[in-house]
């Protein structure tokens, strides 16, 4: 599902983070424990954004 939001961003470096919620109301964890092999990783990943 696509999503959008309005943001009155100020110039500078920012980080955008998005969390998923399913139909049952379960929310993606903000932090997850270390997983040696990286399988089924479901943590929230930040995406850097530069506003000019």
Protein backbone atom coordinates (compact mmCIF):
# COMPACT_ATOMS: atom_id res chain seq x y z
CA UNK A 1 0.00 0.00 0.00
CA UNK A 2 1.33 3.41 -0.88
CA UNK A 3 1.27 6.16 1.71
CA UNK A 4 1.95 9.87 1.90
CA UNK A 5 2.13 12.63 4.48
CA UNK A 6 2.49 16.39 4.49
CA UNK A 7 5.64 17.72 6.09
CA UNK A 8 6.64 21.35 6.55
CA UNK A 9 10.32 20.41 6.35
CA UNK A 10 12.99 22.89 7.30
CA UNK A 11 16.28 22.98 5.35
CA UNK A 12 18.91 20.55 6.59
CA UNK A 13 19.55 16.87 7.20
CA UNK A 14 16.64 14.70 8.39
CA UNK A 15 15.77 11.03 8.76
CA UNK A 16 12.43 9.52 7.73
CA UNK A 17 11.28 6.34 9.48
CA UNK A 18 8.06 4.45 8.71
CA UNK A 19 6.41 1.66 10.70
CA UNK A 20 3.85 -0.79 9.34
CA UNK A 21 0.54 -1.69 11.01
CA UNK A 22 -1.51 -4.68 9.87
CA UNK A 23 -5.30 -5.14 9.82
CA UNK A 24 -5.21 -6.67 13.32
CA UNK A 25 -3.46 -3.58 14.74
CA UNK A 26 -0.04 -5.23 15.15
CA UNK A 27 2.69 -2.61 14.78
CA UNK A 28 6.15 -3.24 13.36
CA UNK A 29 8.69 -3.13 16.21
CA UNK A 30 10.72 0.07 16.42
CA UNK A 31 13.78 -1.91 17.54
CA UNK A 32 14.64 -5.58 17.11
CA UNK A 33 17.25 -7.81 18.68
CA UNK A 34 20.44 -8.81 16.89
CA UNK A 35 19.99 -11.57 14.31
CA UNK A 36 23.31 -13.21 13.34
CA UNK A 37 22.08 -14.38 9.93
CA UNK A 38 19.73 -11.48 9.18
CA UNK A 39 16.77 -13.71 8.27
CA UNK A 40 13.25 -12.28 8.66
CA UNK A 41 14.58 -8.88 9.70
CA UNK A 42 11.60 -6.63 10.39
CA UNK A 43 13.15 -3.59 12.03
CA UNK A 44 12.41 0.00 11.07
CA UNK A 45 15.13 1.44 8.83
CA UNK A 46 15.81 5.17 8.68
CA UNK A 47 16.20 6.92 5.33
CA UNK A 48 18.32 10.08 5.19
CA UNK A 49 16.74 13.12 3.52
CA UNK A 50 18.40 16.45 2.73
CA UNK A 51 16.05 19.41 2.37
CA UNK A 52 17.52 22.32 0.43
